[in-house]
Amino acid sequence: MTAIVLRLVAVASLMFALLAAEFAATFVFSGWGRGGVAIIAITMAAVAAFGFMDLHQEDVTVWLFAAAAVLWLTILLGLGSLDPFTRSLFPTNSMTP
């Protein structure tokens, strides 16, 4: 029991350290752009998958379902972000006094 709790505390501490690195990359090292933040975010997802979910001990079926979940999450977040990115505000005649 103690080894499991110790491992979970270590993984949670690593996640908090990666969160701090992500904030630092966003605000302090703004020259990194989105690439540095994306690398840290992918690392956080890998730590969550292998640290909390113990994906390395599972069989192929669990790996396929995890990959399908990541695929559909990527599709849904991508489609959801298209709406705000493609909106444009055009002035109309009713807006002028």
C-alpha atoms as a PDB file:
ATOM      1  CA  MET A   1       0.000   0.000   0.000  1.00  0.00           C
ATOM      2  CA  THR A   2       2.772   2.433   0.863  1.00  0.00           C
ATOM      3  CA  ALA A   3       4.613   1.827  -2.422  1.00  0.00           C
ATOM      4  CA  ILE A   4       1.462   2.568  -4.432  1.00  0.00           C
ATOM      5  CA  VAL A   5       0.788   5.799  -2.542  1.00  0.00           C
ATOM      6  CA  LEU A   6       4.429   6.822  -2.877  1.00  0.00           C
ATOM      7  CA  ARG A   7       4.328   6.210  -6.641  1.00  0.00           C
ATOM      8  CA  LEU A   8       1.110   8.204  -7.019  1.00  0.00           C
ATOM      9  CA  VAL A   9       2.554  11.113  -5.019  1.00  0.00           C
ATOM     10  CA  ALA A  10       5.675  11.029  -7.209  1.00  0.00           C
ATOM     11  CA  VAL A  11       3.599  11.047 -10.402  1.00  0.00           C
ATOM     12  CA  ALA A  12       1.409  13.873  -9.091  1.00  0.00           C
ATOM     13  CA  SER A  13       4.516  15.856  -8.163  1.00  0.00           C
ATOM     14  CA  LEU A  14       5.871  15.333 -11.666  1.00  0.00           C
ATOM     15  CA  MET A  15       2.569  16.575 -13.113  1.00  0.00           C
ATOM     16  CA  PHE A  16       2.746  19.719 -10.966  1.00  0.00           C
ATOM     17  CA  ALA A  17       6.356  20.279 -12.051  1.00  0.00           C
ATOM     18  CA  LEU A  18       5.316  19.949 -15.695  1.00  0.00           C
ATOM     19  CA  LEU A  19       2.462  22.380 -15.076  1.00  0.00           C
ATOM     20  CA  ALA A  20       4.922  24.894 -13.646  1.00  0.00           C
ATOM     21  CA  ALA A  21       7.182  24.341 -16.667  1.00  0.00           C
ATOM     22  CA  GLU A  22       4.236  24.940 -18.968  1.00  0.00           C
ATOM     23  CA  PHE A  23       3.393  28.222 -17.241  1.00  0.00           C
ATOM     24  CA  ALA A  24       7.044  29.256 -17.408  1.00  0.00           C
ATOM     25  CA  ALA A  25       7.191  28.381 -21.106  1.00  0.00           C
ATOM     26  CA  THR A  26       4.041  30.391 -21.735  1.00  0.00           C
ATOM     27  CA  PHE A  27       4.819  33.549 -19.793  1.00  0.00           C
ATOM     28  CA  VAL A  28       8.566  33.744 -19.216  1.00  0.00           C
ATOM     29  CA  PHE A  29       9.919  32.080 -22.366  1.00  0.00           C
ATOM     30  CA  SER A  30       7.381  33.377 -24.838  1.00  0.00           C
ATOM     31  CA  GLY A  31       9.893  32.985 -27.662  1.00  0.00           C
ATOM     32  CA  TRP A  32       9.356  29.201 -27.602  1.00  0.00           C
ATOM     33  CA  GLY A  33       5.996  29.674 -29.239  1.00  0.00           C
ATOM     34  CA  ARG A  34       3.455  26.898 -29.222  1.00  0.00           C
ATOM     35  CA  GLY A  35       5.992  24.176 -29.910  1.00  0.00           C
ATOM     36  CA  GLY A  36       7.507  24.147 -26.433  1.00  0.00           C
ATOM     37  CA  VAL A  37       4.121  24.195 -24.763  1.00  0.00           C
ATOM     38  CA  ALA A  38       2.892  21.387 -27.034  1.00  0.00           C
ATOM     39  CA  ILE A  39       5.884  19.216 -26.131  1.00  0.00           C
ATOM     40  CA  ILE A  40       5.221  19.751 -22.429  1.00  0.00           C
ATOM     41  CA  ALA A  41       1.516  18.982 -22.912  1.00  0.00           C
ATOM     42  CA  ILE A  42       2.298  15.732 -24.746  1.00  0.00           C
ATOM     43  CA  THR A  43       4.675  14.809 -21.923  1.00  0.00           C
ATOM     44  CA  MET A  44       1.918  15.484 -19.391  1.00  0.00           C
ATOM     45  CA  ALA A  45      -0.470  13.226 -21.330  1.00  0.00           C
ATOM     46  CA  ALA A  46       2.150  10.465 -21.411  1.00  0.00           C
ATOM     47  CA  VAL A  47       2.775  10.802 -17.672  1.00  0.00           C
ATOM     48  CA  ALA A  48      -0.960  10.574 -17.026  1.00  0.00           C
ATOM     49  CA  ALA A  49      -1.291   7.501 -19.253  1.00  0.00           C
ATOM     50  CA  PHE A  50       1.669   5.594 -17.896  1.00  0.00           C
ATOM     51  CA  GLY A  51       1.789   6.959 -14.354  1.00  0.00           C
ATOM     52  CA  PHE A  52      -1.821   7.057 -13.253  1.00  0.00           C
ATOM     53  CA  MET A  53      -3.482   4.610 -15.648  1.00  0.00           C
ATOM     54  CA  ASP A  54      -0.667   1.987 -15.673  1.00  0.00           C
ATOM     55  CA  LEU A  55      -1.043   1.544 -19.397  1.00  0.00           C
ATOM     56  CA  HIS A  56       2.280  -0.272 -19.688  1.00  0.00           C
ATOM     57  CA  GLN A  57       0.813  -3.287 -17.818  1.00  0.00           C
ATOM     58  CA  GLU A  58      -2.298  -3.671 -19.972  1.00  0.00           C
ATOM     59  CA  ASP A  59      -2.930  -5.787 -23.039  1.00  0.00           C
ATOM     60  CA  VAL A  60      -3.537  -4.750 -26.642  1.00  0.00           C
ATOM     61  CA  THR A  61      -7.287  -4.212 -26.270  1.00  0.00           C
ATOM     62  CA  VAL A  62      -6.826  -1.537 -23.619  1.00  0.00           C
ATOM     63  CA  TRP A  63      -4.169   0.126 -25.777  1.00  0.00           C
ATOM     64  CA  LEU A  64      -6.573   0.216 -28.725  1.00  0.00           C
ATOM     65  CA  PHE A  65      -9.341   1.758 -26.649  1.00  0.00           C
ATOM     66  CA  ALA A  66      -6.939   4.357 -25.220  1.00  0.00           C
ATOM     67  CA  ALA A  67      -5.723   5.222 -28.731  1.00  0.00           C
ATOM     68  CA  ALA A  68      -9.325   5.502 -29.961  1.00  0.00           C
ATOM     69  CA  ALA A  69     -10.158   7.810 -27.055  1.00  0.00           C
ATOM     70  CA  VAL A  70      -7.193  10.055 -27.862  1.00  0.00           C
ATOM     71  CA  LEU A  71      -8.150  10.074 -31.539  1.00  0.00           C
ATOM     72  CA  TRP A  72     -11.763  11.074 -30.885  1.00  0.00           C
ATOM     73  CA  LEU A  73     -10.748  13.654 -28.302  1.00  0.00           C
ATOM     74  CA  THR A  74      -8.405  15.202 -30.854  1.00  0.00           C
ATOM     75  CA  ILE A  75     -11.134  15.237 -33.495  1.00  0.00           C
ATOM     76  CA  LEU A  76     -13.710  16.780 -31.151  1.00  0.00           C
ATOM     77  CA  LEU A  77     -11.352  19.436 -29.814  1.00  0.00           C
ATOM     78  CA  GLY A  78     -10.194  20.223 -33.351  1.00  0.00           C
ATOM     79  CA  LEU A  79     -13.742  20.625 -34.647  1.00  0.00           C
ATOM     80  CA  GLY A  80     -14.723  22.642 -31.587  1.00  0.00           C
ATOM     81  CA  SER A  81     -11.851  25.052 -32.096  1.00  0.00           C
ATOM     82  CA  LEU A  82     -12.710  25.639 -35.752  1.00  0.00           C
ATOM     83  CA  ASP A  83     -15.799  27.668 -34.882  1.00  0.00           C
ATOM     84  CA  PRO A  84     -14.082  30.506 -32.966  1.00  0.00           C
ATOM     85  CA  PHE A  85     -11.132  30.514 -35.371  1.00  0.00           C
ATOM     86  CA  THR A  86     -13.298  30.987 -38.441  1.00  0.00           C
ATOM     87  CA  ARG A  87     -15.674  33.651 -37.117  1.00  0.00           C
ATOM     88  CA  SER A  88     -15.305  37.176 -38.425  1.00  0.00           C
ATOM     89  CA  LEU A  89     -17.008  40.333 -37.297  1.00  0.00           C
ATOM     90  CA  PHE A  90     -18.211  42.411 -40.201  1.00  0.00           C
ATOM     91  CA  PRO A  91     -19.692  45.860 -39.571  1.00  0.00           C
ATOM     92  CA  THR A  92     -23.292  46.305 -40.676  1.00  0.00           C
ATOM     93  CA  ASN A  93     -25.380  49.402 -41.350  1.00  0.00           C
ATOM     94  CA  SER A  94     -27.443  48.868 -38.219  1.00  0.00           C
ATOM     95  CA  MET A  95     -24.350  49.290 -36.055  1.00  0.00           C
ATOM     96  CA  THR A  96     -23.754  52.894 -37.147  1.00  0.00           C
ATOM     97  CA  PRO A  97     -25.701  55.630 -35.289  1.00  0.00           C
END
